[in-house]
Amino acid sequence: MKNKLPYYAVIFTSLLTEEDKGYAEMADQMENLAKSQPGYLGIESAREQVGITVSYWESMESIANWKANTDHLFAQQKGIKDWYSWYKVRICAVEREYDFTK
């Protein structure tokens, strides 16, 4: 992913409760919804014991608009109620990037 620098990363780390209760389906829905939001640049995610999802955005304004999206707000509340035993959100400016591909 090559984006115009700087851009922003929202790093969401979480620990799920024992029961899925529709989590996987909602996660897929939120990823598809995020892709349609202005300012969305991409997403990377990994889940073993601790989940880490990093979404990339053009601006702090686009992040704020995503956080305030009504469907996303519903998912956030459901996450607090049913899915997460812990989570942390970090927002960072990406000022430099490089990669390697074989």
PDB file of N, CA and C in Angstrom:
ATOM      1  N   MET A   1       0.849  -1.166   0.000  1.00  0.00           N
ATOM      2  CA  MET A   1       0.000   0.000   0.000  1.00  0.00           C
ATOM      3  C   MET A   1       0.897   1.231   0.000  1.00  0.00           C
ATOM      4  N   LYS A   2       0.845   2.015  -1.059  1.00  0.00           N
ATOM      5  CA  LYS A   2       1.566   3.283  -1.127  1.00  0.00           C
ATOM      6  C   LYS A   2       0.544   4.402  -1.110  1.00  0.00           C
ATOM      7  N   ASN A   3       0.584   5.219  -0.078  1.00  0.00           N
ATOM      8  CA  ASN A   3      -0.338   6.335   0.066  1.00  0.00           C
ATOM      9  C   ASN A   3       0.450   7.627   0.166  1.00  0.00           C
ATOM     10  N   LYS A   4      -0.220   8.712  -0.136  1.00  0.00           N
ATOM     11  CA  LYS A   4       0.407  10.020  -0.007  1.00  0.00           C
ATOM     12  C   LYS A   4       0.691  10.280   1.475  1.00  0.00           C
ATOM     13  N   LEU A   5       1.943  10.580   1.775  1.00  0.00           N
ATOM     14  CA  LEU A   5       2.347  10.851   3.153  1.00  0.00           C
ATOM     15  C   LEU A   5       2.102  12.314   3.505  1.00  0.00           C
ATOM     16  N   PRO A   6       1.819  12.635   4.755  1.00  0.00           N
ATOM     17  CA  PRO A   6       1.476  11.684   5.818  1.00  0.00           C
ATOM     18  C   PRO A   6       0.025  11.225   5.684  1.00  0.00           C
ATOM     19  N   TYR A   7      -0.255  10.076   6.271  1.00  0.00           N
ATOM     20  CA  TYR A   7      -1.616   9.597   6.429  1.00  0.00           C
ATOM     21  C   TYR A   7      -1.712   9.038   7.846  1.00  0.00           C
ATOM     22  N   TYR A   8      -2.835   8.489   8.224  1.00  0.00           N
ATOM     23  CA  TYR A   8      -3.067   8.103   9.616  1.00  0.00           C
ATOM     24  C   TYR A   8      -3.421   6.631   9.740  1.00  0.00           C
ATOM     25  N   ALA A   9      -2.985   6.032  10.831  1.00  0.00           N
ATOM     26  CA  ALA A   9      -3.281   4.640  11.148  1.00  0.00           C
ATOM     27  C   ALA A   9      -4.063   4.591  12.459  1.00  0.00           C
ATOM     28  N   VAL A  10      -5.155   3.863  12.453  1.00  0.00           N
ATOM     29  CA  VAL A  10      -5.905   3.575  13.670  1.00  0.00           C
ATOM     30  C   VAL A  10      -5.584   2.129  14.023  1.00  0.00           C
ATOM     31  N   ILE A  11      -4.929   1.939  15.158  1.00  0.00           N
ATOM     32  CA  ILE A  11      -4.507   0.613  15.600  1.00  0.00           C
ATOM     33  C   ILE A  11      -5.466   0.164  16.700  1.00  0.00           C
ATOM     34  N   PHE A  12      -6.197  -0.896  16.413  1.00  0.00           N
ATOM     35  CA  PHE A  12      -7.188  -1.426  17.351  1.00  0.00           C
ATOM     36  C   PHE A  12      -6.704  -2.791  17.812  1.00  0.00           C
ATOM     37  N   THR A  13      -6.319  -2.892  19.073  1.00  0.00           N
ATOM     38  CA  THR A  13      -5.931  -4.178  19.649  1.00  0.00           C
ATOM     39  C   THR A  13      -7.028  -4.608  20.613  1.00  0.00           C
ATOM     40  N   SER A  14      -7.307  -5.911  20.642  1.00  0.00           N
ATOM     41  CA  SER A  14      -8.433  -6.371  21.454  1.00  0.00           C
ATOM     42  C   SER A  14      -8.243  -7.803  21.915  1.00  0.00           C
ATOM     43  N   LEU A  15      -8.962  -8.116  22.960  1.00  0.00           N
ATOM     44  CA  LEU A  15      -9.049  -9.472  23.476  1.00  0.00           C
ATOM     45  C   LEU A  15     -10.529  -9.819  23.515  1.00  0.00           C
ATOM     46  N   LEU A  16     -10.907 -10.879  22.807  1.00  0.00           N
ATOM     47  CA  LEU A  16     -12.309 -11.279  22.738  1.00  0.00           C
ATOM     48  C   LEU A  16     -12.721 -12.084  23.959  1.00  0.00           C
ATOM     49  N   THR A  17     -14.022 -12.057  24.241  1.00  0.00           N
ATOM     50  CA  THR A  17     -14.591 -12.946  25.246  1.00  0.00           C
ATOM     51  C   THR A  17     -14.638 -14.349  24.650  1.00  0.00           C
ATOM     52  N   GLU A  18     -15.124 -15.287  25.378  1.00  0.00           N
ATOM     53  CA  GLU A  18     -15.141 -16.680  24.943  1.00  0.00           C
ATOM     54  C   GLU A  18     -16.109 -16.958  23.799  1.00  0.00           C
ATOM     55  N   GLU A  19     -17.240 -16.267  23.762  1.00  0.00           N
ATOM     56  CA  GLU A  19     -18.284 -16.579  22.787  1.00  0.00           C
ATOM     57  C   GLU A  19     -18.236 -15.626  21.603  1.00  0.00           C
ATOM     58  N   ASP A  20     -18.465 -16.149  20.400  1.00  0.00           N
ATOM     59  CA  ASP A  20     -18.443 -15.344  19.171  1.00  0.00           C
ATOM     60  C   ASP A  20     -19.648 -14.407  19.102  1.00  0.00           C
ATOM     61  N   LYS A  21     -20.852 -14.912  19.323  1.00  0.00           N
ATOM     62  CA  LYS A  21     -22.096 -14.137  19.321  1.00  0.00           C
ATOM     63  C   LYS A  21     -22.215 -13.213  18.107  1.00  0.00           C
ATOM     64  N   GLY A  22     -21.802 -13.681  16.929  1.00  0.00           N
ATOM     65  CA  GLY A  22     -21.930 -12.883  15.716  1.00  0.00           C
ATOM     66  C   GLY A  22     -20.775 -11.942  15.432  1.00  0.00           C
ATOM     67  N   TYR A  23     -19.686 -12.072  16.184  1.00  0.00           N
ATOM     68  CA  TYR A  23     -18.542 -11.169  16.015  1.00  0.00           C
ATOM     69  C   TYR A  23     -17.953 -11.218  14.605  1.00  0.00           C
ATOM     70  N   ALA A  24     -17.689 -12.402  14.097  1.00  0.00           N
ATOM     71  CA  ALA A  24     -17.031 -12.537  12.793  1.00  0.00           C
ATOM     72  C   ALA A  24     -17.860 -11.889  11.692  1.00  0.00           C
ATOM     73  N   GLU A  25     -19.161 -12.109  11.725  1.00  0.00           N
ATOM     74  CA  GLU A  25     -20.048 -11.515  10.727  1.00  0.00           C
ATOM     75  C   GLU A  25     -20.025  -9.986  10.817  1.00  0.00           C
ATOM     76  N   MET A  26     -20.091  -9.454  12.031  1.00  0.00           N
ATOM     77  CA  MET A  26     -20.083  -8.004  12.209  1.00  0.00           C
ATOM     78  C   MET A  26     -18.735  -7.416  11.785  1.00  0.00           C
ATOM     79  N   ALA A  27     -17.646  -8.105  12.074  1.00  0.00           N
ATOM     80  CA  ALA A  27     -16.322  -7.625  11.666  1.00  0.00           C
ATOM     81  C   ALA A  27     -16.247  -7.508  10.144  1.00  0.00           C
ATOM     82  N   ASP A  28     -16.775  -8.491   9.440  1.00  0.00           N
ATOM     83  CA  ASP A  28     -16.804  -8.437   7.973  1.00  0.00           C
ATOM     84  C   ASP A  28     -17.664  -7.268   7.488  1.00  0.00           C
ATOM     85  N   GLN A  29     -18.811  -7.070   8.114  1.00  0.00           N
ATOM     86  CA  GLN A  29     -19.695  -5.964   7.738  1.00  0.00           C
ATOM     87  C   GLN A  29     -19.000  -4.616   7.954  1.00  0.00           C
ATOM     88  N   MET A  30     -18.303  -4.463   9.080  1.00  0.00           N
ATOM     89  CA  MET A  30     -17.628  -3.197   9.374  1.00  0.00           C
ATOM     90  C   MET A  30     -16.470  -2.947   8.408  1.00  0.00           C
ATOM     91  N   GLU A  31     -15.756  -4.003   8.038  1.00  0.00           N
ATOM     92  CA  GLU A  31     -14.675  -3.829   7.064  1.00  0.00           C
ATOM     93  C   GLU A  31     -15.237  -3.360   5.724  1.00  0.00           C
ATOM     94  N   ASN A  32     -16.330  -3.976   5.274  1.00  0.00           N
ATOM     95  CA  ASN A  32     -16.949  -3.559   4.014  1.00  0.00           C
ATOM     96  C   ASN A  32     -17.495  -2.142   4.093  1.00  0.00           C
ATOM     97  N   LEU A  33     -18.075  -1.778   5.228  1.00  0.00           N
ATOM     98  CA  LEU A  33     -18.590  -0.426   5.409  1.00  0.00           C
ATOM     99  C   LEU A  33     -17.447   0.598   5.428  1.00  0.00           C
ATOM    100  N   ALA A  34     -16.366   0.280   6.125  1.00  0.00           N
ATOM    101  CA  ALA A  34     -15.221   1.195   6.193  1.00  0.00           C
ATOM    102  C   ALA A  34     -14.681   1.484   4.798  1.00  0.00           C
ATOM    103  N   LYS A  35     -14.645   0.454   3.935  1.00  0.00           N
ATOM    104  CA  LYS A  35     -14.125   0.621   2.577  1.00  0.00           C
ATOM    105  C   LYS A  35     -14.910   1.653   1.775  1.00  0.00           C
ATOM    106  N   SER A  36     -16.166   1.887   2.145  1.00  0.00           N
ATOM    107  CA  SER A  36     -16.999   2.842   1.414  1.00  0.00           C
ATOM    108  C   SER A  36     -16.921   4.255   1.988  1.00  0.00           C
ATOM    109  N   GLN A  37     -16.171   4.446   3.070  1.00  0.00           N
ATOM    110  CA  GLN A  37     -16.108   5.739   3.735  1.00  0.00           C
ATOM    111  C   GLN A  37     -15.088   6.657   3.058  1.00  0.00           C
ATOM    112  N   PRO A  38     -15.417   7.959   2.912  1.00  0.00           N
ATOM    113  CA  PRO A  38     -14.437   8.907   2.379  1.00  0.00           C
ATOM    114  C   PRO A  38     -13.178   8.922   3.246  1.00  0.00           C
ATOM    115  N   GLY A  39     -12.031   8.908   2.591  1.00  0.00           N
ATOM    116  CA  GLY A  39     -10.763   8.969   3.307  1.00  0.00           C
ATOM    117  C   GLY A  39     -10.184   7.620   3.682  1.00  0.00           C
ATOM    118  N   TYR A  40     -10.918   6.536   3.465  1.00  0.00           N
ATOM    119  CA  TYR A  40     -10.421   5.191   3.776  1.00  0.00           C
ATOM    120  C   TYR A  40      -9.317   4.821   2.794  1.00  0.00           C
ATOM    121  N   LEU A  41      -8.212   4.268   3.315  1.00  0.00           N
ATOM    122  CA  LEU A  41      -7.084   3.879   2.477  1.00  0.00           C
ATOM    123  C   LEU A  41      -6.802   2.383   2.475  1.00  0.00           C
ATOM    124  N   GLY A  42      -7.161   1.666   3.549  1.00  0.00           N
ATOM    125  CA  GLY A  42      -6.886   0.239   3.593  1.00  0.00           C
ATOM    126  C   GLY A  42      -6.972  -0.313   4.997  1.00  0.00           C
ATOM    127  N   ILE A  43      -6.769  -1.637   5.095  1.00  0.00           N
ATOM    128  CA  ILE A  43      -6.849  -2.311   6.393  1.00  0.00           C
ATOM    129  C   ILE A  43      -5.926  -3.526   6.393  1.00  0.00           C
ATOM    130  N   GLU A  44      -5.382  -3.827   7.556  1.00  0.00           N
ATOM    131  CA  GLU A  44      -4.600  -5.041   7.799  1.00  0.00           C
ATOM    132  C   GLU A  44      -5.052  -5.592   9.141  1.00  0.00           C
ATOM    133  N   SER A  45      -5.162  -6.912   9.234  1.00  0.00           N
ATOM    134  CA  SER A  45      -5.692  -7.492  10.464  1.00  0.00           C
ATOM    135  C   SER A  45      -5.079  -8.862  10.728  1.00  0.00           C
ATOM    136  N   ALA A  46      -4.911  -9.179  12.009  1.00  0.00           N
ATOM    137  CA  ALA A  46      -4.429 -10.489  12.433  1.00  0.00           C
ATOM    138  C   ALA A  46      -5.105 -10.833  13.747  1.00  0.00           C
ATOM    139  N   ARG A  47      -5.448 -12.107  13.908  1.00  0.00           N
ATOM    140  CA  ARG A  47      -6.082 -12.527  15.155  1.00  0.00           C
ATOM    141  C   ARG A  47      -5.558 -13.895  15.544  1.00  0.00           C
ATOM    142  N   GLU A  48      -4.964 -13.951  16.690  1.00  0.00           N
ATOM    143  CA  GLU A  48      -4.631 -15.217  17.348  1.00  0.00           C
ATOM    144  C   GLU A  48      -5.300 -15.132  18.700  1.00  0.00           C
ATOM    145  N   GLN A  49      -4.517 -14.850  19.738  1.00  0.00           N
ATOM    146  CA  GLN A  49      -5.126 -14.601  21.043  1.00  0.00           C
ATOM    147  C   GLN A  49      -5.522 -13.139  21.153  1.00  0.00           C
ATOM    148  N   VAL A  50      -4.601 -12.250  20.858  1.00  0.00           N
ATOM    149  CA  VAL A  50      -4.896 -10.819  20.815  1.00  0.00           C
ATOM    150  C   VAL A  50      -5.111 -10.443  19.358  1.00  0.00           C
ATOM    151  N   GLY A  51      -6.178  -9.697  19.089  1.00  0.00           N
ATOM    152  CA  GLY A  51      -6.450  -9.252  17.731  1.00  0.00           C
ATOM    153  C   GLY A  51      -5.833  -7.888  17.503  1.00  0.00           C
ATOM    154  N   ILE A  52      -5.320  -7.681  16.315  1.00  0.00           N
ATOM    155  CA  ILE A  52      -4.772  -6.382  15.928  1.00  0.00           C
ATOM    156  C   ILE A  52      -5.333  -6.048  14.553  1.00  0.00           C
ATOM    157  N   THR A  53      -6.018  -4.929  14.476  1.00  0.00           N
ATOM    158  CA  THR A  53      -6.522  -4.429  13.204  1.00  0.00           C
ATOM    159  C   THR A  53      -6.017  -3.011  13.045  1.00  0.00           C
ATOM    160  N   VAL A  54      -5.396  -2.744  11.905  1.00  0.00           N
ATOM    161  CA  VAL A  54      -4.900  -1.406  11.602  1.00  0.00           C
ATOM    162  C   VAL A  54      -5.641  -0.923  10.367  1.00  0.00           C
ATOM    163  N   SER A  55      -6.367   0.182  10.527  1.00  0.00           N
ATOM    164  CA  SER A  55      -7.014   0.798   9.367  1.00  0.00           C
ATOM    165  C   SER A  55      -6.285   2.097   9.053  1.00  0.00           C
ATOM    166  N   TYR A  56      -6.267   2.441   7.765  1.00  0.00           N
ATOM    167  CA  TYR A  56      -5.495   3.591   7.297  1.00  0.00           C
ATOM    168  C   TYR A  56      -6.441   4.620   6.695  1.00  0.00           C
ATOM    169  N   TRP A  57      -6.157   5.894   7.007  1.00  0.00           N
ATOM    170  CA  TRP A  57      -7.058   6.987   6.652  1.00  0.00           C
ATOM    171  C   TRP A  57      -6.264   8.196   6.166  1.00  0.00           C
ATOM    172  N   GLU A  58      -6.900   8.980   5.295  1.00  0.00           N
ATOM    173  CA  GLU A  58      -6.266  10.175   4.739  1.00  0.00           C
ATOM    174  C   GLU A  58      -6.097  11.287   5.768  1.00  0.00           C
ATOM    175  N   SER A  59      -7.024  11.387   6.733  1.00  0.00           N
ATOM    176  CA  SER A  59      -7.014  12.535   7.645  1.00  0.00           C
ATOM    177  C   SER A  59      -7.641  12.176   8.982  1.00  0.00           C
ATOM    178  N   MET A  60      -7.408  13.028   9.961  1.00  0.00           N
ATOM    179  CA  MET A  60      -8.063  12.864  11.262  1.00  0.00           C
ATOM    180  C   MET A  60      -9.570  13.061  11.118  1.00  0.00           C
ATOM    181  N   GLU A  61      -9.979  13.926  10.203  1.00  0.00           N
ATOM    182  CA  GLU A  61     -11.403  14.153   9.964  1.00  0.00           C
ATOM    183  C   GLU A  61     -12.079  12.882   9.447  1.00  0.00           C
ATOM    184  N   SER A  62     -11.423  12.166   8.533  1.00  0.00           N
ATOM    185  CA  SER A  62     -12.022  10.932   8.021  1.00  0.00           C
ATOM    186  C   SER A  62     -12.130   9.875   9.130  1.00  0.00           C
ATOM    187  N   ILE A  63     -11.166   9.855  10.059  1.00  0.00           N
ATOM    188  CA  ILE A  63     -11.233   8.940  11.207  1.00  0.00           C
ATOM    189  C   ILE A  63     -12.414   9.305  12.109  1.00  0.00           C
ATOM    190  N   ALA A  64     -12.570  10.596  12.389  1.00  0.00           N
ATOM    191  CA  ALA A  64     -13.680  11.054  13.238  1.00  0.00           C
ATOM    192  C   ALA A  64     -15.024  10.724  12.593  1.00  0.00           C
ATOM    193  N   ASN A  65     -15.131  10.899  11.286  1.00  0.00           N
ATOM    194  CA  ASN A  65     -16.379  10.575  10.593  1.00  0.00           C
ATOM    195  C   ASN A  65     -16.676   9.083  10.657  1.00  0.00           C
ATOM    196  N   TRP A  66     -15.645   8.249  10.529  1.00  0.00           N
ATOM    197  CA  TRP A  66     -15.834   6.799  10.637  1.00  0.00           C
ATOM    198  C   TRP A  66     -16.280   6.426  12.042  1.00  0.00           C
ATOM    199  N   LYS A  67     -15.639   6.998  13.058  1.00  0.00           N
ATOM    200  CA  LYS A  67     -16.007   6.691  14.440  1.00  0.00           C
ATOM    201  C   LYS A  67     -17.466   7.059  14.717  1.00  0.00           C
ATOM    202  N   ALA A  68     -17.953   8.133  14.078  1.00  0.00           N
ATOM    203  CA  ALA A  68     -19.314   8.616  14.317  1.00  0.00           C
ATOM    204  C   ALA A  68     -20.363   7.966  13.417  1.00  0.00           C
ATOM    205  N   ASN A  69     -19.965   7.107  12.482  1.00  0.00           N
ATOM    206  CA  ASN A  69     -20.908   6.429  11.610  1.00  0.00           C
ATOM    207  C   ASN A  69     -21.895   5.627  12.457  1.00  0.00           C
ATOM    208  N   THR A  70     -23.189   5.751  12.182  1.00  0.00           N
ATOM    209  CA  THR A  70     -24.194   5.130  13.061  1.00  0.00           C
ATOM    210  C   THR A  70     -24.089   3.605  13.105  1.00  0.00           C
ATOM    211  N   ASP A  71     -23.812   2.968  11.973  1.00  0.00           N
ATOM    212  CA  ASP A  71     -23.648   1.515  11.985  1.00  0.00           C
ATOM    213  C   ASP A  71     -22.405   1.112  12.771  1.00  0.00           C
ATOM    214  N   HIS A  72     -21.339   1.913  12.640  1.00  0.00           N
ATOM    215  CA  HIS A  72     -20.116   1.641  13.388  1.00  0.00           C
ATOM    216  C   HIS A  72     -20.348   1.869  14.887  1.00  0.00           C
ATOM    217  N   LEU A  73     -21.104   2.906  15.238  1.00  0.00           N
ATOM    218  CA  LEU A  73     -21.439   3.147  16.655  1.00  0.00           C
ATOM    219  C   LEU A  73     -22.188   1.953  17.247  1.00  0.00           C
ATOM    220  N   PHE A  74     -23.126   1.391  16.480  1.00  0.00           N
ATOM    221  CA  PHE A  74     -23.849   0.209  16.938  1.00  0.00           C
ATOM    222  C   PHE A  74     -22.884  -0.946  17.196  1.00  0.00           C
ATOM    223  N   ALA A  75     -21.967  -1.182  16.254  1.00  0.00           N
ATOM    224  CA  ALA A  75     -20.988  -2.263  16.408  1.00  0.00           C
ATOM    225  C   ALA A  75     -20.082  -2.023  17.613  1.00  0.00           C
ATOM    226  N   GLN A  76     -19.704  -0.757  17.855  1.00  0.00           N
ATOM    227  CA  GLN A  76     -18.869  -0.436  19.011  1.00  0.00           C
ATOM    228  C   GLN A  76     -19.584  -0.794  20.316  1.00  0.00           C
ATOM    229  N   GLN A  77     -20.857  -0.427  20.419  1.00  0.00           N
ATOM    230  CA  GLN A  77     -21.615  -0.725  21.633  1.00  0.00           C
ATOM    231  C   GLN A  77     -21.807  -2.224  21.818  1.00  0.00           C
ATOM    232  N   LYS A  78     -22.065  -2.924  20.717  1.00  0.00           N
ATOM    233  CA  LYS A  78     -22.207  -4.381  20.787  1.00  0.00           C
ATOM    234  C   LYS A  78     -20.884  -5.021  21.206  1.00  0.00           C
ATOM    235  N   GLY A  79     -19.772  -4.470  20.723  1.00  0.00           N
ATOM    236  CA  GLY A  79     -18.453  -4.971  21.111  1.00  0.00           C
ATOM    237  C   GLY A  79     -18.224  -4.848  22.605  1.00  0.00           C
ATOM    238  N   ILE A  80     -18.578  -3.699  23.159  1.00  0.00           N
ATOM    239  CA  ILE A  80     -18.417  -3.487  24.607  1.00  0.00           C
ATOM    240  C   ILE A  80     -19.310  -4.446  25.386  1.00  0.00           C
ATOM    241  N   LYS A  81     -20.533  -4.617  24.908  1.00  0.00           N
ATOM    242  CA  LYS A  81     -21.509  -5.463  25.612  1.00  0.00           C
ATOM    243  C   LYS A  81     -21.199  -6.957  25.483  1.00  0.00           C
ATOM    244  N   ASP A  82     -20.823  -7.408  24.256  1.00  0.00           N
ATOM    245  CA  ASP A  82     -20.798  -8.842  23.993  1.00  0.00           C
ATOM    246  C   ASP A  82     -19.440  -9.442  23.624  1.00  0.00           C
ATOM    247  N   TRP A  83     -18.539  -8.691  22.992  1.00  0.00           N
ATOM    248  CA  TRP A  83     -17.403  -9.329  22.343  1.00  0.00           C
ATOM    249  C   TRP A  83     -16.050  -9.114  22.995  1.00  0.00           C
ATOM    250  N   TYR A  84     -15.830  -7.948  23.556  1.00  0.00           N
ATOM    251  CA  TYR A  84     -14.483  -7.638  24.039  1.00  0.00           C
ATOM    252  C   TYR A  84     -14.382  -7.713  25.550  1.00  0.00           C
ATOM    253  N   SER A  85     -13.313  -8.345  26.018  1.00  0.00           N
ATOM    254  CA  SER A  85     -12.998  -8.252  27.444  1.00  0.00           C
ATOM    255  C   SER A  85     -12.014  -7.109  27.671  1.00  0.00           C
ATOM    256  N   TRP A  86     -11.379  -6.656  26.588  1.00  0.00           N
ATOM    257  CA  TRP A  86     -10.431  -5.539  26.646  1.00  0.00           C
ATOM    258  C   TRP A  86     -10.158  -5.044  25.235  1.00  0.00           C
ATOM    259  N   TYR A  87      -9.970  -3.741  25.082  1.00  0.00           N
ATOM    260  CA  TYR A  87      -9.457  -3.214  23.818  1.00  0.00           C
ATOM    261  C   TYR A  87      -8.749  -1.885  24.045  1.00  0.00           C
ATOM    262  N   LYS A  88      -7.928  -1.522  23.081  1.00  0.00           N
ATOM    263  CA  LYS A  88      -7.218  -0.243  23.099  1.00  0.00           C
ATOM    264  C   LYS A  88      -7.157   0.271  21.669  1.00  0.00           C
ATOM    265  N   VAL A  89      -7.341   1.584  21.507  1.00  0.00           N
ATOM    266  CA  VAL A  89      -7.258   2.237  20.217  1.00  0.00           C
ATOM    267  C   VAL A  89      -6.122   3.245  20.271  1.00  0.00           C
ATOM    268  N   ARG A  90      -5.275   3.205  19.234  1.00  0.00           N
ATOM    269  CA  ARG A  90      -4.190   4.174  19.098  1.00  0.00           C
ATOM    270  C   ARG A  90      -4.316   4.799  17.713  1.00  0.00           C
ATOM    271  N   ILE A  91      -4.119   6.107  17.623  1.00  0.00           N
ATOM    272  CA  ILE A  91      -4.156   6.796  16.341  1.00  0.00           C
ATOM    273  C   ILE A  91      -2.793   7.441  16.131  1.00  0.00           C
ATOM    274  N   CYS A  92      -2.188   7.127  14.988  1.00  0.00           N
ATOM    275  CA  CYS A  92      -0.814   7.548  14.710  1.00  0.00           C
ATOM    276  C   CYS A  92      -0.724   8.179  13.331  1.00  0.00           C
ATOM    277  N   ALA A  93       0.172   9.133  13.184  1.00  0.00           N
ATOM    278  CA  ALA A  93       0.495   9.677  11.867  1.00  0.00           C
ATOM    279  C   ALA A  93       1.593   8.819  11.241  1.00  0.00           C
ATOM    280  N   VAL A  94       1.402   8.434   9.999  1.00  0.00           N
ATOM    281  CA  VAL A  94       2.420   7.691   9.258  1.00  0.00           C
ATOM    282  C   VAL A  94       3.179   8.715   8.420  1.00  0.00           C
ATOM    283  N   GLU A  95       4.432   8.909   8.762  1.00  0.00           N
ATOM    284  CA  GLU A  95       5.241   9.912   8.083  1.00  0.00           C
ATOM    285  C   GLU A  95       6.253   9.311   7.122  1.00  0.00           C
ATOM    286  N   ARG A  96       6.486   8.011   7.260  1.00  0.00           N
ATOM    287  CA  ARG A  96       7.445   7.321   6.407  1.00  0.00           C
ATOM    288  C   ARG A  96       7.000   5.873   6.279  1.00  0.00           C
ATOM    289  N   GLU A  97       7.222   5.284   5.099  1.00  0.00           N
ATOM    290  CA  GLU A  97       6.926   3.873   4.923  1.00  0.00           C
ATOM    291  C   GLU A  97       7.871   3.287   3.889  1.00  0.00           C
ATOM    292  N   TYR A  98       8.106   2.008   4.019  1.00  0.00           N
ATOM    293  CA  TYR A  98       8.844   1.256   3.002  1.00  0.00           C
ATOM    294  C   TYR A  98       8.453  -0.192   3.114  1.00  0.00           C
ATOM    295  N   ASP A  99       8.703  -0.963   2.069  1.00  0.00           N
ATOM    296  CA  ASP A  99       8.316  -2.362   2.114  1.00  0.00           C
ATOM    297  C   ASP A  99       9.270  -3.198   1.268  1.00  0.00           C
ATOM    298  N   PHE A 100       9.062  -4.495   1.343  1.00  0.00           N
ATOM    299  CA  PHE A 100       9.833  -5.468   0.577  1.00  0.00           C
ATOM    300  C   PHE A 100       8.868  -6.505   0.044  1.00  0.00           C
ATOM    301  N   THR A 101       9.029  -6.894  -1.197  1.00  0.00           N
ATOM    302  CA  THR A 101       8.244  -7.965  -1.782  1.00  0.00           C
ATOM    303  C   THR A 101       9.187  -8.879  -2.554  1.00  0.00           C
ATOM    304  N   LYS A 102       9.081 -10.157  -2.324  1.00  0.00           N
ATOM    305  CA  LYS A 102       9.912 -11.131  -3.053  1.00  0.00           C
ATOM    306  C   LYS A 102       9.160 -11.652  -4.246  1.00  0.00           C
TER     307      LYS A 102
END
